[in-house]
C-alpha atoms as a PDB file:
ATOM      1  CA  UNK A   1       5.506  -5.592 -11.101  1.00  0.00           C
ATOM      2  CA  UNK A   2       5.030  -2.092 -11.975  1.00  0.00           C
ATOM      3  CA  UNK A   3       3.756  -1.102 -15.803  1.00  0.00           C
ATOM      4  CA  UNK A   4       6.338   1.501 -16.688  1.00  0.00           C
ATOM      5  CA  UNK A   5       4.847   1.522 -20.367  1.00  0.00           C
ATOM      6  CA  UNK A   6       2.176   4.066 -19.380  1.00  0.00           C
ATOM      7  CA  UNK A   7       2.455   7.320 -18.064  1.00  0.00           C
ATOM      8  CA  UNK A   8       2.993   8.156 -14.199  1.00  0.00           C
ATOM      9  CA  UNK A   9       0.456   9.636 -12.185  1.00  0.00           C
ATOM     10  CA  UNK A  10      -0.439   9.626  -8.407  1.00  0.00           C
ATOM     11  CA  UNK A  11      -3.280   8.263  -7.376  1.00  0.00           C
ATOM     12  CA  UNK A  12      -4.490   8.920  -3.621  1.00  0.00           C
ATOM     13  CA  UNK A  13      -7.038   6.848  -2.224  1.00  0.00           C
ATOM     14  CA  UNK A  14      -9.196   6.853   0.947  1.00  0.00           C
ATOM     15  CA  UNK A  15     -11.203   4.220   2.922  1.00  0.00           C
ATOM     16  CA  UNK A  16     -13.871   5.578   5.689  1.00  0.00           C
ATOM     17  CA  UNK A  17     -13.688   3.973   9.285  1.00  0.00           C
ATOM     18  CA  UNK A  18     -16.953   1.617   8.588  1.00  0.00           C
ATOM     19  CA  UNK A  19     -15.006   0.109   5.660  1.00  0.00           C
ATOM     20  CA  UNK A  20     -12.092  -0.608   7.507  1.00  0.00           C
ATOM     21  CA  UNK A  21     -13.871  -1.905  10.628  1.00  0.00           C
ATOM     22  CA  UNK A  22     -15.273  -4.661   8.570  1.00  0.00           C
ATOM     23  CA  UNK A  23     -12.094  -6.077   7.712  1.00  0.00           C
ATOM     24  CA  UNK A  24     -11.215  -9.460   9.198  1.00  0.00           C
ATOM     25  CA  UNK A  25      -8.016 -11.412   9.215  1.00  0.00           C
ATOM     26  CA  UNK A  26      -7.117 -13.051   5.563  1.00  0.00           C
ATOM     27  CA  UNK A  27      -6.446 -16.639   5.098  1.00  0.00           C
ATOM     28  CA  UNK A  28      -3.326 -17.460   3.097  1.00  0.00           C
ATOM     29  CA  UNK A  29      -2.477 -20.422   0.870  1.00  0.00           C
ATOM     30  CA  UNK A  30      -1.271 -23.539   2.219  1.00  0.00           C
ATOM     31  CA  UNK A  31       2.345 -23.355   3.422  1.00  0.00           C
ATOM     32  CA  UNK A  32       2.493 -19.452   3.445  1.00  0.00           C
ATOM     33  CA  UNK A  33       2.406 -17.725   6.706  1.00  0.00           C
ATOM     34  CA  UNK A  34       2.501 -14.173   8.464  1.00  0.00           C
ATOM     35  CA  UNK A  35       5.084 -12.540  10.472  1.00  0.00           C
ATOM     36  CA  UNK A  36       5.714  -9.204  11.889  1.00  0.00           C
ATOM     37  CA  UNK A  37       8.966  -7.539  11.218  1.00  0.00           C
ATOM     38  CA  UNK A  38      12.218  -8.930  13.036  1.00  0.00           C
ATOM     39  CA  UNK A  39      15.626  -7.152  12.868  1.00  0.00           C
ATOM     40  CA  UNK A  40      17.229  -8.019  10.216  1.00  0.00           C
ATOM     41  CA  UNK A  41      14.050  -8.167   7.932  1.00  0.00           C
ATOM     42  CA  UNK A  42      15.068  -4.808   6.303  1.00  0.00           C
ATOM     43  CA  UNK A  43      17.234  -6.853   3.755  1.00  0.00           C
ATOM     44  CA  UNK A  44      14.264  -8.739   2.989  1.00  0.00           C
ATOM     45  CA  UNK A  45      12.142  -5.649   2.607  1.00  0.00           C
ATOM     46  CA  UNK A  46      14.791  -4.059   0.202  1.00  0.00           C
ATOM     47  CA  UNK A  47      14.904  -7.344  -1.950  1.00  0.00           C
ATOM     48  CA  UNK A  48      10.912  -7.664  -2.153  1.00  0.00           C
ATOM     49  CA  UNK A  49      10.365  -3.817  -3.151  1.00  0.00           C
ATOM     50  CA  UNK A  50      13.323  -3.965  -5.730  1.00  0.00           C
ATOM     51  CA  UNK A  51      11.950  -7.150  -7.344  1.00  0.00           C
ATOM     52  CA  UNK A  52       8.892  -5.272  -7.972  1.00  0.00           C
ATOM     53  CA  UNK A  53      10.735  -2.295  -9.881  1.00  0.00           C
ATOM     54  CA  UNK A  54       9.835   0.505  -6.590  1.00  0.00           C
ATOM     55  CA  UNK A  55      13.976   0.756  -6.433  1.00  0.00           C
ATOM     56  CA  UNK A  56      16.939   0.488  -8.907  1.00  0.00           C
ATOM     57  CA  UNK A  57      18.866  -1.377  -6.363  1.00  0.00           C
ATOM     58  CA  UNK A  58      18.627  -3.363  -3.136  1.00  0.00           C
ATOM     59  CA  UNK A  59      21.103  -1.046  -1.688  1.00  0.00           C
ATOM     60  CA  UNK A  60      19.002   2.144  -2.693  1.00  0.00           C
ATOM     61  CA  UNK A  61      15.756   0.319  -0.744  1.00  0.00           C
ATOM     62  CA  UNK A  62      17.762  -0.488   2.337  1.00  0.00           C
ATOM     63  CA  UNK A  63      19.037   3.001   2.656  1.00  0.00           C
ATOM     64  CA  UNK A  64      15.501   4.132   2.011  1.00  0.00           C
ATOM     65  CA  UNK A  65      14.333   1.949   4.836  1.00  0.00           C
ATOM     66  CA  UNK A  66      16.909   2.668   7.314  1.00  0.00           C
ATOM     67  CA  UNK A  67      16.260   6.358   7.014  1.00  0.00           C
ATOM     68  CA  UNK A  68      12.507   6.352   7.217  1.00  0.00           C
ATOM     69  CA  UNK A  69      11.290   3.203   9.055  1.00  0.00           C
ATOM     70  CA  UNK A  70      14.074   1.715  10.849  1.00  0.00           C
ATOM     71  CA  UNK A  71      14.513   4.487  13.893  1.00  0.00           C
ATOM     72  CA  UNK A  72      10.994   3.733  14.659  1.00  0.00           C
ATOM     73  CA  UNK A  73      11.612  -0.246  15.491  1.00  0.00           C
ATOM     74  CA  UNK A  74       9.057  -0.649  18.028  1.00  0.00           C
ATOM     75  CA  UNK A  75       6.533   0.432  15.391  1.00  0.00           C
ATOM     76  CA  UNK A  76       7.991  -1.783  13.028  1.00  0.00           C
ATOM     77  CA  UNK A  77       7.655  -4.841  15.190  1.00  0.00           C
ATOM     78  CA  UNK A  78       3.921  -4.275  15.482  1.00  0.00           C
ATOM     79  CA  UNK A  79       3.150  -2.846  11.944  1.00  0.00           C
ATOM     80  CA  UNK A  80       5.263  -4.244   9.090  1.00  0.00           C
ATOM     81  CA  UNK A  81       3.911  -7.470   7.893  1.00  0.00           C
ATOM     82  CA  UNK A  82       5.523 -10.046   5.892  1.00  0.00           C
ATOM     83  CA  UNK A  83       4.507 -13.071   3.998  1.00  0.00           C
ATOM     84  CA  UNK A  84       6.932 -15.837   4.405  1.00  0.00           C
ATOM     85  CA  UNK A  85       6.818 -18.782   1.717  1.00  0.00           C
ATOM     86  CA  UNK A  86       6.651 -22.560   2.210  1.00  0.00           C
ATOM     87  CA  UNK A  87      10.535 -22.355   1.983  1.00  0.00           C
ATOM     88  CA  UNK A  88      10.746 -20.021   5.075  1.00  0.00           C
ATOM     89  CA  UNK A  89      11.482 -16.671   2.593  1.00  0.00           C
ATOM     90  CA  UNK A  90       9.809 -13.487   3.185  1.00  0.00           C
ATOM     91  CA  UNK A  91       8.202 -12.783  -0.316  1.00  0.00           C
ATOM     92  CA  UNK A  92       5.417 -10.099   0.354  1.00  0.00           C
ATOM     93  CA  UNK A  93       5.056  -7.078   2.651  1.00  0.00           C
ATOM     94  CA  UNK A  94       3.004  -4.409   3.717  1.00  0.00           C
ATOM     95  CA  UNK A  95       3.017  -1.701   6.343  1.00  0.00           C
ATOM     96  CA  UNK A  96       0.099  -0.044   8.570  1.00  0.00           C
ATOM     97  CA  UNK A  97       1.716   3.224   9.351  1.00  0.00           C
ATOM     98  CA  UNK A  98       0.970   6.893  10.098  1.00  0.00           C
ATOM     99  CA  UNK A  99       1.935  10.352   8.516  1.00  0.00           C
ATOM    100  CA  UNK A 100       0.543  13.366  10.712  1.00  0.00           C
ATOM    101  CA  UNK A 101      -0.276  12.744  14.198  1.00  0.00           C
ATOM    102  CA  UNK A 102      -2.764  15.833  14.244  1.00  0.00           C
ATOM    103  CA  UNK A 103      -4.583  15.263  10.697  1.00  0.00           C
ATOM    104  CA  UNK A 104      -7.197  12.916   9.591  1.00  0.00           C
ATOM    105  CA  UNK A 105      -4.756  11.050   7.109  1.00  0.00           C
ATOM    106  CA  UNK A 106      -2.624  10.221   9.455  1.00  0.00           C
ATOM    107  CA  UNK A 107      -3.579   6.528   9.229  1.00  0.00           C
ATOM    108  CA  UNK A 108      -2.188   4.923   5.968  1.00  0.00           C
ATOM    109  CA  UNK A 109      -1.153   1.670   3.877  1.00  0.00           C
ATOM    110  CA  UNK A 110       2.489   1.746   2.714  1.00  0.00           C
ATOM    111  CA  UNK A 111       4.617  -0.541   0.271  1.00  0.00           C
ATOM    112  CA  UNK A 112       2.439  -3.210  -0.393  1.00  0.00           C
ATOM    113  CA  UNK A 113       4.622  -5.766  -2.466  1.00  0.00           C
ATOM    114  CA  UNK A 114       4.834  -9.415  -3.915  1.00  0.00           C
ATOM    115  CA  UNK A 115       7.841 -10.975  -5.381  1.00  0.00           C
ATOM    116  CA  UNK A 116       7.160 -11.604  -9.049  1.00  0.00           C
ATOM    117  CA  UNK A 117       7.530 -15.292  -8.791  1.00  0.00           C
ATOM    118  CA  UNK A 118       4.707 -15.459  -5.860  1.00  0.00           C
ATOM    119  CA  UNK A 119       2.530 -13.382  -7.728  1.00  0.00           C
ATOM    120  CA  UNK A 120      -0.952 -14.648  -8.958  1.00  0.00           C
ATOM    121  CA  UNK A 121      -1.919 -16.264  -5.554  1.00  0.00           C
ATOM    122  CA  UNK A 122      -3.693 -13.559  -3.818  1.00  0.00           C
ATOM    123  CA  UNK A 123      -0.790 -12.740  -1.436  1.00  0.00           C
ATOM    124  CA  UNK A 124      -1.051  -9.144  -2.289  1.00  0.00           C
ATOM    125  CA  UNK A 125      -4.771  -8.769  -1.534  1.00  0.00           C
ATOM    126  CA  UNK A 126      -3.833 -10.970   1.892  1.00  0.00           C
ATOM    127  CA  UNK A 127      -1.273  -8.716   2.903  1.00  0.00           C
ATOM    128  CA  UNK A 128      -3.166  -5.743   2.391  1.00  0.00           C
ATOM    129  CA  UNK A 129      -6.020  -7.222   4.404  1.00  0.00           C
ATOM    130  CA  UNK A 130      -3.838  -8.156   7.041  1.00  0.00           C
ATOM    131  CA  UNK A 131      -2.569  -4.570   7.509  1.00  0.00           C
ATOM    132  CA  UNK A 132      -5.941  -2.822   6.975  1.00  0.00           C
ATOM    133  CA  UNK A 133      -7.251  -5.177  10.315  1.00  0.00           C
ATOM    134  CA  UNK A 134      -4.097  -3.978  11.962  1.00  0.00           C
ATOM    135  CA  UNK A 135      -5.168  -0.378  11.359  1.00  0.00           C
ATOM    136  CA  UNK A 136      -8.641  -1.341  12.414  1.00  0.00           C
ATOM    137  CA  UNK A 137      -7.170  -2.175  15.630  1.00  0.00           C
ATOM    138  CA  UNK A 138      -4.619   0.584  16.413  1.00  0.00           C
ATOM    139  CA  UNK A 139      -6.673   3.406  15.134  1.00  0.00           C
ATOM    140  CA  UNK A 140     -10.281   2.579  15.507  1.00  0.00           C
ATOM    141  CA  UNK A 141     -12.925   5.017  13.840  1.00  0.00           C
ATOM    142  CA  UNK A 142     -10.176   6.537  11.812  1.00  0.00           C
ATOM    143  CA  UNK A 143     -10.144   6.508   7.949  1.00  0.00           C
ATOM    144  CA  UNK A 144      -7.333   5.073   6.270  1.00  0.00           C
ATOM    145  CA  UNK A 145      -5.143   6.509   3.306  1.00  0.00           C
ATOM    146  CA  UNK A 146      -2.780   5.085   0.518  1.00  0.00           C
ATOM    147  CA  UNK A 147      -0.903   6.652  -2.248  1.00  0.00           C
ATOM    148  CA  UNK A 148      -0.516   4.379  -5.376  1.00  0.00           C
ATOM    149  CA  UNK A 149       0.264   5.412  -8.914  1.00  0.00           C
ATOM    150  CA  UNK A 150      -1.170   4.605 -12.568  1.00  0.00           C
ATOM    151  CA  UNK A 151       2.084   2.081 -12.904  1.00  0.00           C
ATOM    152  CA  UNK A 152       0.100  -0.105  -9.956  1.00  0.00           C
ATOM    153  CA  UNK A 153      -3.175  -0.216 -11.858  1.00  0.00           C
ATOM    154  CA  UNK A 154      -3.709  -3.905 -10.936  1.00  0.00           C
ATOM    155  CA  UNK A 155      -3.505  -2.882  -7.257  1.00  0.00           C
ATOM    156  CA  UNK A 156      -6.032  -0.040  -7.878  1.00  0.00           C
ATOM    157  CA  UNK A 157      -8.601  -2.475  -8.278  1.00  0.00           C
ATOM    158  CA  UNK A 158      -7.833  -4.528  -4.947  1.00  0.00           C
ATOM    159  CA  UNK A 159      -7.675  -1.349  -2.875  1.00  0.00           C
ATOM    160  CA  UNK A 160     -11.143  -0.415  -4.349  1.00  0.00           C
ATOM    161  CA  UNK A 161     -12.648  -3.737  -3.566  1.00  0.00           C
ATOM    162  CA  UNK A 162     -11.654  -2.904   0.231  1.00  0.00           C
ATOM    163  CA  UNK A 163     -13.694   0.246   0.111  1.00  0.00           C
ATOM    164  CA  UNK A 164     -10.682   2.616  -0.799  1.00  0.00           C
ATOM    165  CA  UNK A 165     -12.245   5.346  -3.222  1.00  0.00           C
ATOM    166  CA  UNK A 166     -10.358   7.809  -5.242  1.00  0.00           C
ATOM    167  CA  UNK A 167      -9.584  11.080  -3.717  1.00  0.00           C
ATOM    168  CA  UNK A 168     -10.105  13.968  -6.171  1.00  0.00           C
ATOM    169  CA  UNK A 169      -8.627  16.943  -4.100  1.00  0.00           C
ATOM    170  CA  UNK A 170      -6.269  16.510  -1.182  1.00  0.00           C
ATOM    171  CA  UNK A 171      -2.678  15.767  -1.550  1.00  0.00           C
ATOM    172  CA  UNK A 172      -1.436  12.937   0.557  1.00  0.00           C
ATOM    173  CA  UNK A 173       1.365  13.721   3.013  1.00  0.00           C
ATOM    174  CA  UNK A 174       3.618  10.577   3.643  1.00  0.00           C
ATOM    175  CA  UNK A 175       6.741  11.735   5.449  1.00  0.00           C
ATOM    176  CA  UNK A 176       6.681  14.320   8.063  1.00  0.00           C
ATOM    177  CA  UNK A 177      10.272  14.569   8.433  1.00  0.00           C
ATOM    178  CA  UNK A 178      10.711  15.890   4.827  1.00  0.00           C
ATOM    179  CA  UNK A 179       6.858  16.816   4.263  1.00  0.00           C
ATOM    180  CA  UNK A 180       6.899  14.528   1.168  1.00  0.00           C
ATOM    181  CA  UNK A 181       3.666  14.708  -0.291  1.00  0.00           C
ATOM    182  CA  UNK A 182       1.962  13.276  -3.061  1.00  0.00           C
ATOM    183  CA  UNK A 183      -0.051  15.965  -5.149  1.00  0.00           C
ATOM    184  CA  UNK A 184      -3.424  14.866  -6.871  1.00  0.00           C
ATOM    185  CA  UNK A 185      -3.408  14.193 -10.197  1.00  0.00           C
ATOM    186  CA  UNK A 186      -7.175  13.391 -10.756  1.00  0.00           C
ATOM    187  CA  UNK A 187      -8.435  13.340 -13.534  1.00  0.00           C
ATOM    188  CA  UNK A 188      -5.101  12.730 -15.518  1.00  0.00           C
ATOM    189  CA  UNK A 189      -4.749   9.337 -13.934  1.00  0.00           C
ATOM    190  CA  UNK A 190      -8.240   8.165 -14.883  1.00  0.00           C
ATOM    191  CA  UNK A 191      -7.182   9.011 -18.615  1.00  0.00           C
ATOM    192  CA  UNK A 192      -4.480   6.866 -18.137  1.00  0.00           C
ATOM    193  CA  UNK A 193      -6.277   3.963 -16.305  1.00  0.00           C
ATOM    194  CA  UNK A 194      -8.509   3.837 -19.149  1.00  0.00           C
ATOM    195  CA  UNK A 195      -5.682   2.555 -21.319  1.00  0.00           C
ATOM    196  CA  UNK A 196      -5.488  -0.405 -19.005  1.00  0.00           C
ATOM    197  CA  UNK A 197      -8.603  -0.938 -17.619  1.00  0.00           C
ATOM    198  CA  UNK A 198     -12.098  -1.629 -18.931  1.00  0.00           C
ATOM    199  CA  UNK A 199     -13.742   1.797 -19.592  1.00  0.00           C
ATOM    200  CA  UNK A 200     -16.821   0.846 -17.426  1.00  0.00           C
ATOM    201  CA  UNK A 201     -14.593  -0.046 -14.517  1.00  0.00           C
ATOM    202  CA  UNK A 202     -12.877   3.422 -14.625  1.00  0.00           C
ATOM    203  CA  UNK A 203     -16.083   4.977 -14.727  1.00  0.00           C
ATOM    204  CA  UNK A 204     -16.979   3.070 -11.476  1.00  0.00           C
ATOM    205  CA  UNK A 205     -13.861   4.794  -9.923  1.00  0.00           C
ATOM    206  CA  UNK A 206     -14.552   7.840 -11.229  1.00  0.00           C
ATOM    207  CA  UNK A 207     -18.376   7.622  -9.844  1.00  0.00           C
ATOM    208  CA  UNK A 208     -17.502   6.736  -6.360  1.00  0.00           C
ATOM    209  CA  UNK A 209     -14.312   9.190  -5.959  1.00  0.00           C
ATOM    210  CA  UNK A 210     -14.692  11.683  -3.044  1.00  0.00           C
ATOM    211  CA  UNK A 211     -13.617  15.623  -2.923  1.00  0.00           C
ATOM    212  CA  UNK A 212     -12.685  16.324   0.666  1.00  0.00           C
ATOM    213  CA  UNK A 213     -12.562  19.952   2.067  1.00  0.00           C
END
Protein backbone atom coordinates (compact mmCIF):
# COMPACT_ATOMS: atom_id res chain seq x y z
CA UNK A 1 0.00 0.00 0.00
CA UNK A 2 1.07 3.57 -0.58
CA UNK A 3 2.08 5.42 2.58
CA UNK A 4 0.17 8.66 2.11
CA UNK A 5 0.96 9.85 5.63
CA UNK A 6 4.21 11.45 4.41
CA UNK A 7 4.72 14.21 1.83
CA UNK A 8 4.63 13.16 -1.81
CA UNK A 9 7.77 13.70 -3.89
CA UNK A 10 8.86 12.20 -7.20
CA UNK A 11 11.81 9.82 -7.20
CA UNK A 12 13.41 9.07 -10.57
CA UNK A 13 15.76 6.09 -10.69
CA UNK A 14 17.95 4.49 -13.34
CA UNK A 15 19.88 1.22 -13.62
CA UNK A 16 22.72 0.94 -16.08
CA UNK A 17 22.86 -1.74 -18.74
CA UNK A 18 25.42 -3.85 -16.87
CA UNK A 19 23.07 -4.17 -13.88
CA UNK A 20 20.17 -5.19 -16.13
CA UNK A 21 22.30 -7.75 -17.95
CA UNK A 22 22.86 -9.57 -14.65
CA UNK A 23 19.13 -10.06 -14.02
CA UNK A 24 17.88 -13.63 -14.20
CA UNK A 25 14.37 -15.05 -14.19
CA UNK A 26 12.99 -15.20 -10.63
CA UNK A 27 11.35 -18.01 -8.73
CA UNK A 28 7.89 -17.64 -7.21
CA UNK A 29 6.48 -19.12 -4.00
CA UNK A 30 4.80 -22.48 -4.42
CA UNK A 31 1.48 -22.25 -6.23
CA UNK A 32 2.07 -18.81 -7.77
CA UNK A 33 2.78 -18.49 -11.49
CA UNK A 34 3.66 -15.81 -14.03
CA UNK A 35 1.64 -15.03 -17.11
CA UNK A 36 1.72 -12.33 -19.74
CA UNK A 37 -1.18 -10.03 -20.56
CA UNK A 38 -4.22 -11.56 -22.24
CA UNK A 39 -7.21 -9.62 -23.61
CA UNK A 40 -9.50 -8.96 -20.68
CA UNK A 41 -6.66 -8.64 -18.17
CA UNK A 42 -7.14 -4.88 -18.17
CA UNK A 43 -9.84 -5.40 -15.53
CA UNK A 44 -7.37 -7.33 -13.35
CA UNK A 45 -4.78 -4.58 -13.80
CA UNK A 46 -7.34 -1.98 -12.71
CA UNK A 47 -8.32 -4.03 -9.67
CA UNK A 48 -4.70 -4.58 -8.58
CA UNK A 49 -3.63 -0.95 -9.01
CA UNK A 50 -6.72 0.34 -7.21
CA UNK A 51 -6.15 -2.08 -4.33
CA UNK A 52 -2.83 -0.40 -3.50
CA UNK A 53 -4.21 3.13 -3.73
CA UNK A 54 -2.91 4.20 -7.13
CA UNK A 55 -6.42 5.08 -8.31
CA UNK A 56 -9.58 6.14 -6.51
CA UNK A 57 -11.76 3.63 -8.35
CA UNK A 58 -11.32 0.64 -10.61
CA UNK A 59 -13.21 2.55 -13.30
CA UNK A 60 -10.56 5.30 -13.18
CA UNK A 61 -7.79 2.73 -13.43
CA UNK A 62 -9.47 0.92 -16.31
CA UNK A 63 -10.00 4.17 -18.21
CA UNK A 64 -6.32 5.05 -17.78
CA UNK A 65 -5.17 1.62 -18.97
CA UNK A 66 -7.49 1.64 -21.97
CA UNK A 67 -6.15 5.03 -23.06
CA UNK A 68 -2.45 4.60 -22.38
CA UNK A 69 -1.72 0.92 -22.95
CA UNK A 70 -4.51 -1.03 -24.64
CA UNK A 71 -3.92 0.56 -28.08
CA UNK A 72 -0.54 -1.25 -28.04
CA UNK A 73 -2.02 -4.70 -27.53
CA UNK A 74 0.84 -6.59 -29.19
CA UNK A 75 3.36 -4.90 -26.90
CA UNK A 76 1.20 -5.63 -23.86
CA UNK A 77 1.13 -9.32 -24.70
CA UNK A 78 4.94 -9.35 -24.59
CA UNK A 79 5.64 -6.88 -21.80
CA UNK A 80 2.85 -6.71 -19.20
CA UNK A 81 3.44 -9.40 -16.56
CA UNK A 82 1.04 -10.75 -13.96
CA UNK A 83 1.56 -13.00 -10.97
CA UNK A 84 -1.35 -15.42 -10.65
CA UNK A 85 -2.37 -16.79 -7.24
CA UNK A 86 -2.83 -20.52 -6.52
CA UNK A 87 -6.57 -19.86 -6.99
CA UNK A 88 -5.99 -18.60 -10.53
CA UNK A 89 -6.49 -14.87 -9.86
CA UNK A 90 -3.97 -12.24 -11.06
CA UNK A 91 -2.78 -10.48 -7.91
CA UNK A 92 0.41 -8.65 -8.91
CA UNK A 93 1.63 -6.87 -12.01
CA UNK A 94 4.43 -4.87 -13.60
CA UNK A 95 5.14 -3.75 -17.15
CA UNK A 96 8.32 -3.52 -19.21
CA UNK A 97 7.64 -0.42 -21.27
CA UNK A 98 9.22 2.41 -23.26
CA UNK A 99 8.82 6.17 -23.39
CA UNK A 100 10.87 7.97 -26.01
CA UNK A 101 12.44 5.79 -28.70
CA UNK A 102 15.13 8.33 -29.55
CA UNK A 103 16.37 9.06 -26.02
CA UNK A 104 18.31 7.17 -23.38
CA UNK A 105 15.34 6.80 -21.07
CA UNK A 106 13.09 5.06 -23.55
CA UNK A 107 13.20 1.83 -21.54
CA UNK A 108 11.25 1.78 -18.29
CA UNK A 109 9.47 -0.21 -15.61
CA UNK A 110 5.83 0.81 -15.14
CA UNK A 111 3.18 0.20 -12.48
CA UNK A 112 4.57 -2.39 -10.06
CA UNK A 113 1.83 -3.46 -7.63
CA UNK A 114 0.82 -6.40 -5.43
CA UNK A 115 -2.63 -6.80 -3.89
CA UNK A 116 -2.36 -6.13 -0.13
CA UNK A 117 -3.52 -9.59 0.91
CA UNK A 118 -0.59 -11.14 -1.02
CA UNK A 119 2.12 -8.73 0.11
CA UNK A 120 5.03 -9.93 2.24
CA UNK A 121 5.72 -12.98 0.06
CA UNK A 122 8.34 -11.41 -2.21
CA UNK A 123 5.93 -11.13 -5.14
CA UNK A 124 6.68 -7.47 -5.80
CA UNK A 125 10.37 -8.23 -6.04
CA UNK A 126 9.71 -11.23 -8.27
CA UNK A 127 7.46 -9.42 -10.75
CA UNK A 128 9.94 -6.53 -10.91
CA UNK A 129 12.76 -8.96 -11.59
CA UNK A 130 10.71 -10.61 -14.34
CA UNK A 131 10.13 -7.34 -16.23
CA UNK A 132 13.78 -6.35 -15.81
CA UNK A 133 14.76 -9.67 -17.34
CA UNK A 134 12.39 -8.96 -20.25
CA UNK A 135 13.89 -5.50 -20.74
CA UNK A 136 17.34 -7.06 -20.85
CA UNK A 137 16.11 -9.19 -23.75
CA UNK A 138 14.11 -6.51 -25.58
CA UNK A 139 16.59 -3.67 -25.16
CA UNK A 140 20.09 -5.05 -24.49
CA UNK A 141 22.81 -2.55 -23.65
CA UNK A 142 20.30 0.08 -22.61
CA UNK A 143 19.82 1.69 -19.23
CA UNK A 144 16.39 1.26 -17.61
CA UNK A 145 14.42 4.02 -15.92
CA UNK A 146 11.57 4.04 -13.46
CA UNK A 147 9.52 6.60 -11.61
CA UNK A 148 8.46 6.01 -8.05
CA UNK A 149 7.62 8.28 -5.13
CA UNK A 150 8.18 8.76 -1.45
CA UNK A 151 4.81 7.10 -0.79
CA UNK A 152 6.34 3.88 -2.21
CA UNK A 153 9.42 3.97 0.01
CA UNK A 154 9.35 0.20 0.57
CA UNK A 155 9.73 -0.32 -3.17
CA UNK A 156 12.67 2.11 -3.36
CA UNK A 157 14.83 -0.32 -1.38
CA UNK A 158 13.84 -3.17 -3.70
CA UNK A 159 14.70 -1.16 -6.80
CA UNK A 160 18.02 -0.09 -5.33
CA UNK A 161 18.94 -3.73 -4.71
CA UNK A 162 18.53 -4.39 -8.45
CA UNK A 163 21.02 -1.64 -9.30
CA UNK A 164 18.69 1.35 -9.62
CA UNK A 165 20.13 4.60 -8.32
CA UNK A 166 18.33 7.83 -7.60
CA UNK A 167 18.84 10.40 -10.36
CA UNK A 168 19.49 13.91 -9.09
CA UNK A 169 19.01 15.91 -12.29
CA UNK A 170 16.92 14.76 -15.25
CA UNK A 171 13.17 14.60 -15.39
CA UNK A 172 11.62 11.34 -16.55
CA UNK A 173 9.22 11.39 -19.49
CA UNK A 174 6.65 8.64 -19.12
CA UNK A 175 4.01 9.35 -21.72
CA UNK A 176 4.95 10.48 -25.22
CA UNK A 177 1.38 11.31 -26.23
CA UNK A 178 0.91 13.96 -23.56
CA UNK A 179 4.62 14.35 -22.74
CA UNK A 180 3.85 13.62 -19.10
CA UNK A 181 6.99 14.25 -17.08
CA UNK A 182 8.05 13.58 -13.53
CA UNK A 183 10.25 16.44 -12.44
CA UNK A 184 13.08 15.58 -10.12
CA UNK A 185 12.48 16.39 -6.45
CA UNK A 186 15.93 15.46 -5.18
CA UNK A 187 17.00 16.28 -2.42
CA UNK A 188 13.50 16.92 -0.98
CA UNK A 189 12.63 13.26 -1.48
CA UNK A 190 15.68 12.19 0.54
CA UNK A 191 14.58 14.35 3.46
CA UNK A 192 11.14 12.75 3.40
CA UNK A 193 12.60 9.24 3.21
CA UNK A 194 14.50 9.91 6.43
CA UNK A 195 11.10 9.92 8.18
CA UNK A 196 10.46 6.29 7.24
CA UNK A 197 13.90 4.76 6.55
CA UNK A 198 17.05 4.48 8.64
CA UNK A 199 19.21 7.54 8.11
CA UNK A 200 22.17 5.40 7.13
CA UNK A 201 20.18 3.82 4.30
CA UNK A 202 19.05 7.21 3.00
CA UNK A 203 22.69 8.29 3.19
CA UNK A 204 23.53 5.29 0.99
CA UNK A 205 20.88 6.29 -1.53
CA UNK A 206 22.33 9.79 -1.56
CA UNK A 207 25.92 8.55 -1.90
CA UNK A 208 25.02 6.35 -4.88
CA UNK A 209 22.78 8.93 -6.57
CA UNK A 210 23.76 9.90 -10.10
CA UNK A 211 23.73 13.23 -11.92
CA UNK A 212 23.20 12.97 -15.66
CA UNK A 213 24.01 15.59 -18.28
